[in-house]
Amino acid sequence: MITSIFSKSKPVNFIIVFFIMFLAFIVARIELIKETLSLFYITKQLGLLFICYFTILLLNFIVSKNSLTKLNNYEILLFSLFLLLIPSTTLNANILFANFFMILGLRRIMSLRSQRNEKGKLFDAAIWISIASLFYFWAILFFLLILLALAFYADNNIRHWIIPFVGVVTVIIISMGVSVVCYNSFFEVLNISPISSYDFSSYNSIIYIVAITTLLSFGAWSSVFYLQNIKKQKKAYRASFKIIILAGVISFFIVFQAPDKNGSEFLFLFAPLSIIITNYIETIKEKWFKEIFLFVLVVLPLVLLVLQFFTKS
């Protein structure tokens, strides 16, 4: 039943996905809603909700534009289910913005495949990723994707290798200017804080353990088939598939390095994982197994929500 709904791209799929995302958004804020609500708080939360919605639409655009999956909506379903699996990923405004700008940068990196206006695309990608790092420092690691994309496309034009660094410097100069005008300091706006933590004690709960184990086990299993599937893709699209798997590796490293391990850092993993797992789902020939695979991913977040409710009560 689930496969029949999302096996083709339909408007109703987005309605279902947006509802799941909205549910994750509300669940994460149940405790906060009990406090006195203000117009500023409501406006801020609506803004964050729209960022989540735009992230879903942007992910769908990247996937369809670059033929990263077949004509289905499994990737946006998985992304919304991951949000429901770890609702705390919707709480940190800085990470929500950083992830959104990172995906904007990923969109420009993917568009290098057409080999048109490379200079503009490289500059834009560097700009978006640099802006993402202003919200969350470790997002700057996604800058590596730009250089790796140039290597994958065997681009020997030295100017193309310099342009991304020009983009980073541009953001730094503008940020310093804004910082001086608004805060009378050169580095107030710049988020230069390479702090990391290896204290994973905050994940020491049954809900986090099950959620993280599900993400990593499903992701690792699907990655094996994803890597094998890259060789079967058309030569023009192979670089795009490699970029996605590398984005997943970088995201995992960011989770590992995150200074505050409160669950929100897993948001960076959701986009690449949803694409990787979707590719695995597409390789499953047995319809019953595909249904069970998706059924587990749909039911597990709901089970954890019920468990969380009874634990708090």
C-alpha atoms as a PDB file:
ATOM      1  CA  MET A   1       0.000   0.000   0.000  1.00  0.00           C
ATOM      2  CA  ILE A   2       2.772   2.442   0.924  1.00  0.00           C
ATOM      3  CA  THR A   3       4.706   1.635  -2.242  1.00  0.00           C
ATOM      4  CA  SER A   4       1.643   2.134  -4.413  1.00  0.00           C
ATOM      5  CA  ILE A   5       1.127   5.639  -3.002  1.00  0.00           C
ATOM      6  CA  PHE A   6       4.715   6.896  -3.262  1.00  0.00           C
ATOM      7  CA  SER A   7       5.920   4.887  -6.267  1.00  0.00           C
ATOM      8  CA  LYS A   8       4.807   7.776  -8.488  1.00  0.00           C
ATOM      9  CA  SER A   9       5.151  11.505  -7.962  1.00  0.00           C
ATOM     10  CA  LYS A  10       1.715  12.868  -7.023  1.00  0.00           C
ATOM     11  CA  PRO A  11       0.475  16.034  -5.244  1.00  0.00           C
ATOM     12  CA  VAL A  12      -1.116  13.958  -2.469  1.00  0.00           C
ATOM     13  CA  ASN A  13       2.355  12.658  -1.569  1.00  0.00           C
ATOM     14  CA  PHE A  14       3.472  16.164  -0.620  1.00  0.00           C
ATOM     15  CA  ILE A  15       0.374  16.633   1.543  1.00  0.00           C
ATOM     16  CA  ILE A  16       1.177  13.417   3.445  1.00  0.00           C
ATOM     17  CA  VAL A  17       4.844  14.361   3.782  1.00  0.00           C
ATOM     18  CA  PHE A  18       4.040  17.880   4.986  1.00  0.00           C
ATOM     19  CA  PHE A  19       1.653  16.433   7.582  1.00  0.00           C
ATOM     20  CA  ILE A  20       4.359  14.061   8.892  1.00  0.00           C
ATOM     21  CA  MET A  21       6.803  16.965   9.052  1.00  0.00           C
ATOM     22  CA  PHE A  22       4.262  19.140  10.865  1.00  0.00           C
ATOM     23  CA  LEU A  23       3.674  16.313  13.355  1.00  0.00           C
ATOM     24  CA  ALA A  24       7.413  16.055  14.017  1.00  0.00           C
ATOM     25  CA  PHE A  25       7.552  19.826  14.442  1.00  0.00           C
ATOM     26  CA  ILE A  26       4.714  19.842  17.010  1.00  0.00           C
ATOM     27  CA  VAL A  27       5.978  16.787  18.920  1.00  0.00           C
ATOM     28  CA  ALA A  28       9.372  18.426  19.407  1.00  0.00           C
ATOM     29  CA  ARG A  29       7.696  21.505  20.904  1.00  0.00           C
ATOM     30  CA  ILE A  30       5.055  19.982  23.166  1.00  0.00           C
ATOM     31  CA  GLU A  31       6.946  20.983  26.301  1.00  0.00           C
ATOM     32  CA  LEU A  32       7.655  24.483  24.951  1.00  0.00           C
ATOM     33  CA  ILE A  33       4.022  25.077  23.955  1.00  0.00           C
ATOM     34  CA  LYS A  34       3.031  24.663  27.620  1.00  0.00           C
ATOM     35  CA  GLU A  35       4.905  27.884  28.341  1.00  0.00           C
ATOM     36  CA  THR A  36       3.400  31.316  27.717  1.00  0.00           C
ATOM     37  CA  LEU A  37       3.121  31.859  23.984  1.00  0.00           C
ATOM     38  CA  SER A  38       4.023  35.178  22.413  1.00  0.00           C
ATOM     39  CA  LEU A  39       3.571  36.624  18.947  1.00  0.00           C
ATOM     40  CA  PHE A  40       7.350  36.603  18.445  1.00  0.00           C
ATOM     41  CA  TYR A  41       7.591  32.916  19.420  1.00  0.00           C
ATOM     42  CA  ILE A  42       4.741  31.901  17.077  1.00  0.00           C
ATOM     43  CA  THR A  43       6.191  33.936  14.187  1.00  0.00           C
ATOM     44  CA  LYS A  44       9.636  32.398  14.722  1.00  0.00           C
ATOM     45  CA  GLN A  45       8.247  28.851  14.771  1.00  0.00           C
ATOM     46  CA  LEU A  46       6.215  29.462  11.609  1.00  0.00           C
ATOM     47  CA  GLY A  47       9.391  30.692   9.931  1.00  0.00           C
ATOM     48  CA  LEU A  48      11.246  27.528  10.957  1.00  0.00           C
ATOM     49  CA  LEU A  49       8.338  25.399   9.748  1.00  0.00           C
ATOM     50  CA  PHE A  50       8.505  27.025   6.315  1.00  0.00           C
ATOM     51  CA  ILE A  51      12.275  26.401   6.220  1.00  0.00           C
ATOM     52  CA  CYS A  52      11.512  22.702   6.774  1.00  0.00           C
ATOM     53  CA  TYR A  53       8.932  22.750   3.985  1.00  0.00           C
ATOM     54  CA  PHE A  54      11.279  24.528   1.572  1.00  0.00           C
ATOM     55  CA  THR A  55      14.007  22.008   2.407  1.00  0.00           C
ATOM     56  CA  ILE A  56      11.699  19.163   1.385  1.00  0.00           C
ATOM     57  CA  LEU A  57      10.786  20.889  -1.885  1.00  0.00           C
ATOM     58  CA  LEU A  58      14.443  21.667  -2.614  1.00  0.00           C
ATOM     59  CA  LEU A  59      15.438  18.057  -1.975  1.00  0.00           C
ATOM     60  CA  ASN A  60      12.735  16.843  -4.355  1.00  0.00           C
ATOM     61  CA  PHE A  61      13.915  19.319  -7.008  1.00  0.00           C
ATOM     62  CA  ILE A  62      17.554  18.180  -6.757  1.00  0.00           C
ATOM     63  CA  VAL A  63      16.599  14.508  -6.943  1.00  0.00           C
ATOM     64  CA  SER A  64      14.299  14.897  -9.957  1.00  0.00           C
ATOM     65  CA  LYS A  65      16.579  17.330 -11.806  1.00  0.00           C
ATOM     66  CA  ASN A  66      19.613  15.044 -11.514  1.00  0.00           C
ATOM     67  CA  SER A  67      17.798  11.697 -11.877  1.00  0.00           C
ATOM     68  CA  LEU A  68      19.153  10.519  -8.522  1.00  0.00           C
ATOM     69  CA  THR A  69      16.130   8.263  -8.137  1.00  0.00           C
ATOM     70  CA  LYS A  70      13.355   7.054 -10.388  1.00  0.00           C
ATOM     71  CA  LEU A  71      10.105   8.990 -10.736  1.00  0.00           C
ATOM     72  CA  ASN A  72       8.829   8.466  -7.188  1.00  0.00           C
ATOM     73  CA  ASN A  73       8.613  10.357  -3.912  1.00  0.00           C
ATOM     74  CA  TYR A  74      10.280   7.900  -1.554  1.00  0.00           C
ATOM     75  CA  GLU A  75      13.082  10.345  -0.742  1.00  0.00           C
ATOM     76  CA  ILE A  76      10.784  13.055   0.647  1.00  0.00           C
ATOM     77  CA  LEU A  77       8.769  10.430   2.559  1.00  0.00           C
ATOM     78  CA  LEU A  78      11.966   9.137   4.156  1.00  0.00           C
ATOM     79  CA  PHE A  79      13.172  12.653   4.975  1.00  0.00           C
ATOM     80  CA  SER A  80       9.925  13.453   6.805  1.00  0.00           C
ATOM     81  CA  LEU A  81       9.970  10.085   8.619  1.00  0.00           C
ATOM     82  CA  PHE A  82      13.534  10.755   9.790  1.00  0.00           C
ATOM     83  CA  LEU A  83      12.323  14.072  11.226  1.00  0.00           C
ATOM     84  CA  LEU A  84       9.600  12.201  13.091  1.00  0.00           C
ATOM     85  CA  LEU A  85      12.111   9.567  14.203  1.00  0.00           C
ATOM     86  CA  ILE A  86      14.284  12.277  15.834  1.00  0.00           C
ATOM     87  CA  PRO A  87      11.944  15.289  16.311  1.00  0.00           C
ATOM     88  CA  SER A  88      14.682  17.259  18.085  1.00  0.00           C
ATOM     89  CA  THR A  89      16.230  17.859  14.642  1.00  0.00           C
ATOM     90  CA  THR A  90      13.590  20.567  14.135  1.00  0.00           C
ATOM     91  CA  LEU A  91      14.454  22.474  17.323  1.00  0.00           C
ATOM     92  CA  ASN A  92      17.791  24.091  16.523  1.00  0.00           C
ATOM     93  CA  ALA A  93      17.146  27.100  14.271  1.00  0.00           C
ATOM     94  CA  ASN A  94      20.823  27.475  13.349  1.00  0.00           C
ATOM     95  CA  ILE A  95      21.071  23.881  12.140  1.00  0.00           C
ATOM     96  CA  LEU A  96      17.793  24.165  10.212  1.00  0.00           C
ATOM     97  CA  PHE A  97      19.162  27.193   8.345  1.00  0.00           C
ATOM     98  CA  ALA A  98      22.612  25.639   7.915  1.00  0.00           C
ATOM     99  CA  ASN A  99      21.109  22.482   6.431  1.00  0.00           C
ATOM    100  CA  PHE A 100      18.881  24.511   4.101  1.00  0.00           C
ATOM    101  CA  PHE A 101      21.806  26.572   2.761  1.00  0.00           C
ATOM    102  CA  MET A 102      23.943  23.441   2.498  1.00  0.00           C
ATOM    103  CA  ILE A 103      21.314  21.842   0.263  1.00  0.00           C
ATOM    104  CA  LEU A 104      21.187  25.036  -1.819  1.00  0.00           C
ATOM    105  CA  GLY A 105      24.938  24.659  -2.269  1.00  0.00           C
ATOM    106  CA  LEU A 106      24.500  20.981  -3.120  1.00  0.00           C
ATOM    107  CA  ARG A 107      22.017  21.968  -5.815  1.00  0.00           C
ATOM    108  CA  ARG A 108      24.608  24.197  -7.502  1.00  0.00           C
ATOM    109  CA  ILE A 109      27.298  21.533  -7.179  1.00  0.00           C
ATOM    110  CA  MET A 110      25.029  18.989  -8.863  1.00  0.00           C
ATOM    111  CA  SER A 111      24.300  21.405 -11.707  1.00  0.00           C
ATOM    112  CA  LEU A 112      27.989  21.332 -12.697  1.00  0.00           C
ATOM    113  CA  ARG A 113      27.092  18.172 -14.614  1.00  0.00           C
ATOM    114  CA  SER A 114      25.772  20.280 -17.503  1.00  0.00           C
ATOM    115  CA  GLN A 115      29.203  21.987 -17.843  1.00  0.00           C
ATOM    116  CA  ARG A 116      27.555  25.345 -18.472  1.00  0.00           C
ATOM    117  CA  ASN A 117      28.319  28.534 -16.543  1.00  0.00           C
ATOM    118  CA  GLU A 118      30.704  26.619 -14.268  1.00  0.00           C
ATOM    119  CA  LYS A 119      32.169  29.799 -12.789  1.00  0.00           C
ATOM    120  CA  GLY A 120      28.790  31.081 -11.615  1.00  0.00           C
ATOM    121  CA  LYS A 121      27.794  27.685 -10.197  1.00  0.00           C
ATOM    122  CA  LEU A 122      31.071  27.242  -8.317  1.00  0.00           C
ATOM    123  CA  PHE A 123      30.828  30.742  -6.868  1.00  0.00           C
ATOM    124  CA  ASP A 124      27.192  30.234  -5.830  1.00  0.00           C
ATOM    125  CA  ALA A 125      27.935  26.851  -4.235  1.00  0.00           C
ATOM    126  CA  ALA A 126      30.784  28.342  -2.192  1.00  0.00           C
ATOM    127  CA  ILE A 127      28.575  31.271  -1.154  1.00  0.00           C
ATOM    128  CA  TRP A 128      25.728  29.029   0.060  1.00  0.00           C
ATOM    129  CA  ILE A 129      28.000  26.662   1.969  1.00  0.00           C
ATOM    130  CA  SER A 130      29.870  29.580   3.534  1.00  0.00           C
ATOM    131  CA  ILE A 131      26.562  31.082   4.674  1.00  0.00           C
ATOM    132  CA  ALA A 132      25.620  27.672   6.118  1.00  0.00           C
ATOM    133  CA  SER A 133      28.843  27.720   8.144  1.00  0.00           C
ATOM    134  CA  LEU A 134      27.857  31.098   9.622  1.00  0.00           C
ATOM    135  CA  PHE A 135      24.920  29.320  11.243  1.00  0.00           C
ATOM    136  CA  TYR A 136      26.819  26.125  12.138  1.00  0.00           C
ATOM    137  CA  PHE A 137      30.603  26.095  11.897  1.00  0.00           C
ATOM    138  CA  TRP A 138      31.106  22.437  10.923  1.00  0.00           C
ATOM    139  CA  ALA A 139      28.928  22.914   7.827  1.00  0.00           C
ATOM    140  CA  ILE A 140      32.061  24.385   6.206  1.00  0.00           C
ATOM    141  CA  LEU A 141      33.192  20.774   5.684  1.00  0.00           C
ATOM    142  CA  PHE A 142      30.696  20.537   2.815  1.00  0.00           C
ATOM    143  CA  PHE A 143      33.070  22.874   0.942  1.00  0.00           C
ATOM    144  CA  LEU A 144      35.037  19.695   0.198  1.00  0.00           C
ATOM    145  CA  LEU A 145      32.165  18.586  -2.061  1.00  0.00           C
ATOM    146  CA  ILE A 146      32.944  21.472  -4.436  1.00  0.00           C
ATOM    147  CA  LEU A 147      36.569  20.412  -4.792  1.00  0.00           C
ATOM    148  CA  LEU A 148      35.617  16.736  -5.108  1.00  0.00           C
ATOM    149  CA  ALA A 149      33.083  17.610  -7.813  1.00  0.00           C
ATOM    150  CA  LEU A 150      35.823  19.393  -9.781  1.00  0.00           C
ATOM    151  CA  ALA A 151      37.997  16.299  -9.411  1.00  0.00           C
ATOM    152  CA  PHE A 152      35.177  13.981 -10.538  1.00  0.00           C
ATOM    153  CA  TYR A 153      34.567  16.079 -13.639  1.00  0.00           C
ATOM    154  CA  ALA A 154      38.344  16.186 -14.308  1.00  0.00           C
ATOM    155  CA  ASP A 155      38.269  19.968 -14.500  1.00  0.00           C
ATOM    156  CA  ASN A 156      41.821  21.187 -15.152  1.00  0.00           C
ATOM    157  CA  ASN A 157      40.892  24.859 -15.452  1.00  0.00           C
ATOM    158  CA  ILE A 158      42.882  26.490 -12.636  1.00  0.00           C
ATOM    159  CA  ARG A 159      40.425  29.391 -12.434  1.00  0.00           C
ATOM    160  CA  HIS A 160      37.610  26.971 -11.582  1.00  0.00           C
ATOM    161  CA  TRP A 161      39.633  25.725  -8.596  1.00  0.00           C
ATOM    162  CA  ILE A 162      40.228  29.285  -7.350  1.00  0.00           C
ATOM    163  CA  ILE A 163      36.627  30.542  -7.672  1.00  0.00           C
ATOM    164  CA  PRO A 164      35.211  28.567  -4.670  1.00  0.00           C
ATOM    165  CA  PHE A 165      37.828  30.144  -2.401  1.00  0.00           C
ATOM    166  CA  VAL A 166      36.862  33.564  -3.769  1.00  0.00           C
ATOM    167  CA  GLY A 167      33.273  32.777  -2.761  1.00  0.00           C
ATOM    168  CA  VAL A 168      34.354  31.952   0.788  1.00  0.00           C
ATOM    169  CA  VAL A 169      36.436  35.139   1.043  1.00  0.00           C
ATOM    170  CA  THR A 170      33.465  37.151  -0.254  1.00  0.00           C
ATOM    171  CA  VAL A 171      31.222  35.877   2.548  1.00  0.00           C
ATOM    172  CA  ILE A 172      33.957  36.552   5.120  1.00  0.00           C
ATOM    173  CA  ILE A 173      34.424  40.165   3.924  1.00  0.00           C
ATOM    174  CA  ILE A 174      30.660  40.865   3.859  1.00  0.00           C
ATOM    175  CA  SER A 175      30.244  39.264   7.312  1.00  0.00           C
ATOM    176  CA  MET A 176      33.048  41.388   8.730  1.00  0.00           C
ATOM    177  CA  GLY A 177      31.454  44.507   7.252  1.00  0.00           C
ATOM    178  CA  VAL A 178      28.066  43.683   8.783  1.00  0.00           C
ATOM    179  CA  SER A 179      29.783  42.846  12.074  1.00  0.00           C
ATOM    180  CA  VAL A 180      31.550  46.209  12.224  1.00  0.00           C
ATOM    181  CA  VAL A 181      28.381  48.163  11.407  1.00  0.00           C
ATOM    182  CA  CYS A 182      26.082  46.270  13.773  1.00  0.00           C
ATOM    183  CA  TYR A 183      28.368  45.171  16.612  1.00  0.00           C
ATOM    184  CA  ASN A 184      31.478  47.386  16.300  1.00  0.00           C
ATOM    185  CA  SER A 185      33.563  44.217  16.065  1.00  0.00           C
ATOM    186  CA  PHE A 186      35.167  42.447  13.113  1.00  0.00           C
ATOM    187  CA  PHE A 187      34.305  38.872  14.028  1.00  0.00           C
ATOM    188  CA  GLU A 188      30.970  39.018  15.875  1.00  0.00           C
ATOM    189  CA  VAL A 189      28.982  37.679  12.913  1.00  0.00           C
ATOM    190  CA  LEU A 190      31.596  35.128  11.855  1.00  0.00           C
ATOM    191  CA  ASN A 191      30.978  31.780  13.511  1.00  0.00           C
ATOM    192  CA  ILE A 192      34.606  30.676  13.891  1.00  0.00           C
ATOM    193  CA  SER A 193      34.328  28.144  16.691  1.00  0.00           C
ATOM    194  CA  PRO A 194      35.779  24.730  15.770  1.00  0.00           C
ATOM    195  CA  ILE A 195      34.609  23.194  19.056  1.00  0.00           C
ATOM    196  CA  SER A 196      33.923  19.475  19.121  1.00  0.00           C
ATOM    197  CA  SER A 197      32.776  16.994  21.734  1.00  0.00           C
ATOM    198  CA  TYR A 198      33.016  13.228  21.995  1.00  0.00           C
ATOM    199  CA  ASP A 199      30.619  12.901  24.908  1.00  0.00           C
ATOM    200  CA  PHE A 200      27.802  10.678  23.628  1.00  0.00           C
ATOM    201  CA  SER A 201      26.072  10.261  26.996  1.00  0.00           C
ATOM    202  CA  SER A 202      23.112  12.365  25.812  1.00  0.00           C
ATOM    203  CA  TYR A 203      22.226   9.530  23.420  1.00  0.00           C
ATOM    204  CA  ASN A 204      21.997   7.099  26.325  1.00  0.00           C
ATOM    205  CA  SER A 205      18.238   6.533  26.194  1.00  0.00           C
ATOM    206  CA  ILE A 206      16.176   3.784  24.590  1.00  0.00           C
ATOM    207  CA  ILE A 207      14.544   6.244  22.184  1.00  0.00           C
ATOM    208  CA  TYR A 208      17.827   7.684  20.908  1.00  0.00           C
ATOM    209  CA  ILE A 209      19.502   4.276  20.771  1.00  0.00           C
ATOM    210  CA  VAL A 210      16.701   2.781  18.657  1.00  0.00           C
ATOM    211  CA  ALA A 211      16.449   5.847  16.397  1.00  0.00           C
ATOM    212  CA  ILE A 212      20.203   6.146  15.786  1.00  0.00           C
ATOM    213  CA  THR A 213      20.613   2.398  15.309  1.00  0.00           C
ATOM    214  CA  THR A 214      17.811   2.428  12.739  1.00  0.00           C
ATOM    215  CA  LEU A 215      19.357   5.319  10.800  1.00  0.00           C
ATOM    216  CA  LEU A 216      22.866   3.883  10.779  1.00  0.00           C
ATOM    217  CA  SER A 217      21.881   0.259  10.081  1.00  0.00           C
ATOM    218  CA  PHE A 218      19.447   1.087   7.263  1.00  0.00           C
ATOM    219  CA  GLY A 219      21.898   3.657   5.903  1.00  0.00           C
ATOM    220  CA  ALA A 220      24.920   1.329   6.002  1.00  0.00           C
ATOM    221  CA  TRP A 221      22.992  -1.574   4.434  1.00  0.00           C
ATOM    222  CA  SER A 222      21.596   0.637   1.658  1.00  0.00           C
ATOM    223  CA  SER A 223      25.012   2.221   1.021  1.00  0.00           C
ATOM    224  CA  VAL A 224      26.453  -1.149   0.011  1.00  0.00           C
ATOM    225  CA  PHE A 225      23.885  -1.488  -2.766  1.00  0.00           C
ATOM    226  CA  TYR A 226      24.128   2.227  -3.592  1.00  0.00           C
ATOM    227  CA  LEU A 227      27.871   1.954  -4.256  1.00  0.00           C
ATOM    228  CA  GLN A 228      27.329  -1.087  -6.454  1.00  0.00           C
ATOM    229  CA  ASN A 229      24.591   0.749  -8.342  1.00  0.00           C
ATOM    230  CA  ILE A 230      26.839   3.717  -9.224  1.00  0.00           C
ATOM    231  CA  LYS A 231      28.633   1.649 -11.871  1.00  0.00           C
ATOM    232  CA  LYS A 232      25.283   0.948 -13.555  1.00  0.00           C
ATOM    233  CA  GLN A 233      24.443   4.623 -13.936  1.00  0.00           C
ATOM    234  CA  LYS A 234      25.084   6.628 -17.078  1.00  0.00           C
ATOM    235  CA  LYS A 235      28.576   8.093 -17.104  1.00  0.00           C
ATOM    236  CA  ALA A 236      27.239  11.664 -16.993  1.00  0.00           C
ATOM    237  CA  TYR A 237      25.375  10.966 -13.735  1.00  0.00           C
ATOM    238  CA  ARG A 238      27.990   8.941 -11.822  1.00  0.00           C
ATOM    239  CA  ALA A 239      29.658  12.020 -10.319  1.00  0.00           C
ATOM    240  CA  SER A 240      26.310  13.154  -8.854  1.00  0.00           C
ATOM    241  CA  PHE A 241      25.806   9.783  -7.174  1.00  0.00           C
ATOM    242  CA  LYS A 242      29.348   9.899  -5.760  1.00  0.00           C
ATOM    243  CA  ILE A 243      28.753  13.391  -4.389  1.00  0.00           C
ATOM    244  CA  ILE A 244      25.682  12.154  -2.477  1.00  0.00           C
ATOM    245  CA  ILE A 245      27.557   9.301  -0.780  1.00  0.00           C
ATOM    246  CA  LEU A 246      30.390  11.686   0.137  1.00  0.00           C
ATOM    247  CA  ALA A 247      27.850  14.177   1.512  1.00  0.00           C
ATOM    248  CA  GLY A 248      26.619  11.347   3.734  1.00  0.00           C
ATOM    249  CA  VAL A 249      30.157  10.656   4.964  1.00  0.00           C
ATOM    250  CA  ILE A 250      30.744  14.341   5.737  1.00  0.00           C
ATOM    251  CA  SER A 251      27.381  14.544   7.521  1.00  0.00           C
ATOM    252  CA  PHE A 252      28.299  11.552   9.670  1.00  0.00           C
ATOM    253  CA  PHE A 253      31.600  13.235  10.568  1.00  0.00           C
ATOM    254  CA  ILE A 254      29.715  16.416  11.538  1.00  0.00           C
ATOM    255  CA  VAL A 255      27.463  14.366  13.841  1.00  0.00           C
ATOM    256  CA  PHE A 256      30.579  12.831  15.384  1.00  0.00           C
ATOM    257  CA  GLN A 257      32.215  16.252  15.891  1.00  0.00           C
ATOM    258  CA  ALA A 258      29.107  18.136  17.075  1.00  0.00           C
ATOM    259  CA  PRO A 259      29.850  20.112  20.262  1.00  0.00           C
ATOM    260  CA  ASP A 260      26.260  19.859  21.547  1.00  0.00           C
ATOM    261  CA  LYS A 261      24.895  16.381  20.974  1.00  0.00           C
ATOM    262  CA  ASN A 262      21.169  16.983  21.400  1.00  0.00           C
ATOM    263  CA  GLY A 263      19.948  15.112  18.301  1.00  0.00           C
ATOM    264  CA  SER A 264      19.585  18.173  16.050  1.00  0.00           C
ATOM    265  CA  GLU A 265      22.962  17.458  14.431  1.00  0.00           C
ATOM    266  CA  PHE A 266      21.503  14.384  12.698  1.00  0.00           C
ATOM    267  CA  LEU A 267      19.571  16.688  10.351  1.00  0.00           C
ATOM    268  CA  PHE A 268      22.585  16.921   8.027  1.00  0.00           C
ATOM    269  CA  LEU A 269      22.386  13.151   7.467  1.00  0.00           C
ATOM    270  CA  PHE A 270      18.739  13.079   6.408  1.00  0.00           C
ATOM    271  CA  ALA A 271      19.035  14.367   2.820  1.00  0.00           C
ATOM    272  CA  PRO A 272      21.860  12.055   1.648  1.00  0.00           C
ATOM    273  CA  LEU A 273      20.439   9.086   3.595  1.00  0.00           C
ATOM    274  CA  SER A 274      16.963   9.535   2.093  1.00  0.00           C
ATOM    275  CA  ILE A 275      18.465   9.417  -1.424  1.00  0.00           C
ATOM    276  CA  ILE A 276      20.710   6.445  -0.640  1.00  0.00           C
ATOM    277  CA  ILE A 277      17.921   4.399   0.971  1.00  0.00           C
ATOM    278  CA  THR A 278      15.517   5.304  -1.849  1.00  0.00           C
ATOM    279  CA  ASN A 279      17.984   3.863  -4.342  1.00  0.00           C
ATOM    280  CA  TYR A 280      18.059   0.631  -2.342  1.00  0.00           C
ATOM    281  CA  ILE A 281      14.249   0.478  -2.192  1.00  0.00           C
ATOM    282  CA  GLU A 282      14.172   0.783  -5.982  1.00  0.00           C
ATOM    283  CA  THR A 283      16.405  -2.290  -6.308  1.00  0.00           C
ATOM    284  CA  ILE A 284      14.050  -4.490  -4.236  1.00  0.00           C
ATOM    285  CA  LYS A 285      12.118  -6.703  -6.645  1.00  0.00           C
ATOM    286  CA  GLU A 286       9.921  -8.526  -4.119  1.00  0.00           C
ATOM    287  CA  LYS A 287       6.931  -6.281  -3.482  1.00  0.00           C
ATOM    288  CA  TRP A 288       6.202  -7.847  -0.074  1.00  0.00           C
ATOM    289  CA  PHE A 289       9.742  -7.147   1.139  1.00  0.00           C
ATOM    290  CA  LYS A 290       9.588  -3.569  -0.131  1.00  0.00           C
ATOM    291  CA  GLU A 291       6.318  -3.067   1.757  1.00  0.00           C
ATOM    292  CA  ILE A 292       7.800  -4.479   4.970  1.00  0.00           C
ATOM    293  CA  PHE A 293      10.935  -2.354   4.585  1.00  0.00           C
ATOM    294  CA  LEU A 294       8.890   0.838   4.269  1.00  0.00           C
ATOM    295  CA  PHE A 295       6.375  -0.304   6.893  1.00  0.00           C
ATOM    296  CA  VAL A 296       9.168  -0.560   9.479  1.00  0.00           C
ATOM    297  CA  LEU A 297      10.373   2.955   8.656  1.00  0.00           C
ATOM    298  CA  VAL A 298       6.808   4.318   8.911  1.00  0.00           C
ATOM    299  CA  VAL A 299       5.749   2.513  12.104  1.00  0.00           C
ATOM    300  CA  LEU A 300       8.966   2.823  14.117  1.00  0.00           C
ATOM    301  CA  PRO A 301       8.756   6.638  14.597  1.00  0.00           C
ATOM    302  CA  LEU A 302       5.146   6.242  15.782  1.00  0.00           C
ATOM    303  CA  VAL A 303       6.137   3.497  18.227  1.00  0.00           C
ATOM    304  CA  LEU A 304       8.918   5.682  19.633  1.00  0.00           C
ATOM    305  CA  LEU A 305       6.478   8.596  20.034  1.00  0.00           C
ATOM    306  CA  VAL A 306       4.106   6.392  22.048  1.00  0.00           C
ATOM    307  CA  LEU A 307       7.030   5.088  24.107  1.00  0.00           C
ATOM    308  CA  GLN A 308       8.215   8.641  24.748  1.00  0.00           C
ATOM    309  CA  PHE A 309       4.718   9.659  25.860  1.00  0.00           C
ATOM    310  CA  PHE A 310       4.423   6.828  28.392  1.00  0.00           C
ATOM    311  CA  THR A 311       7.983   7.413  29.619  1.00  0.00           C
ATOM    312  CA  LYS A 312       7.256  11.058  30.449  1.00  0.00           C
ATOM    313  CA  SER A 313       3.871  10.287  31.964  1.00  0.00           C
END
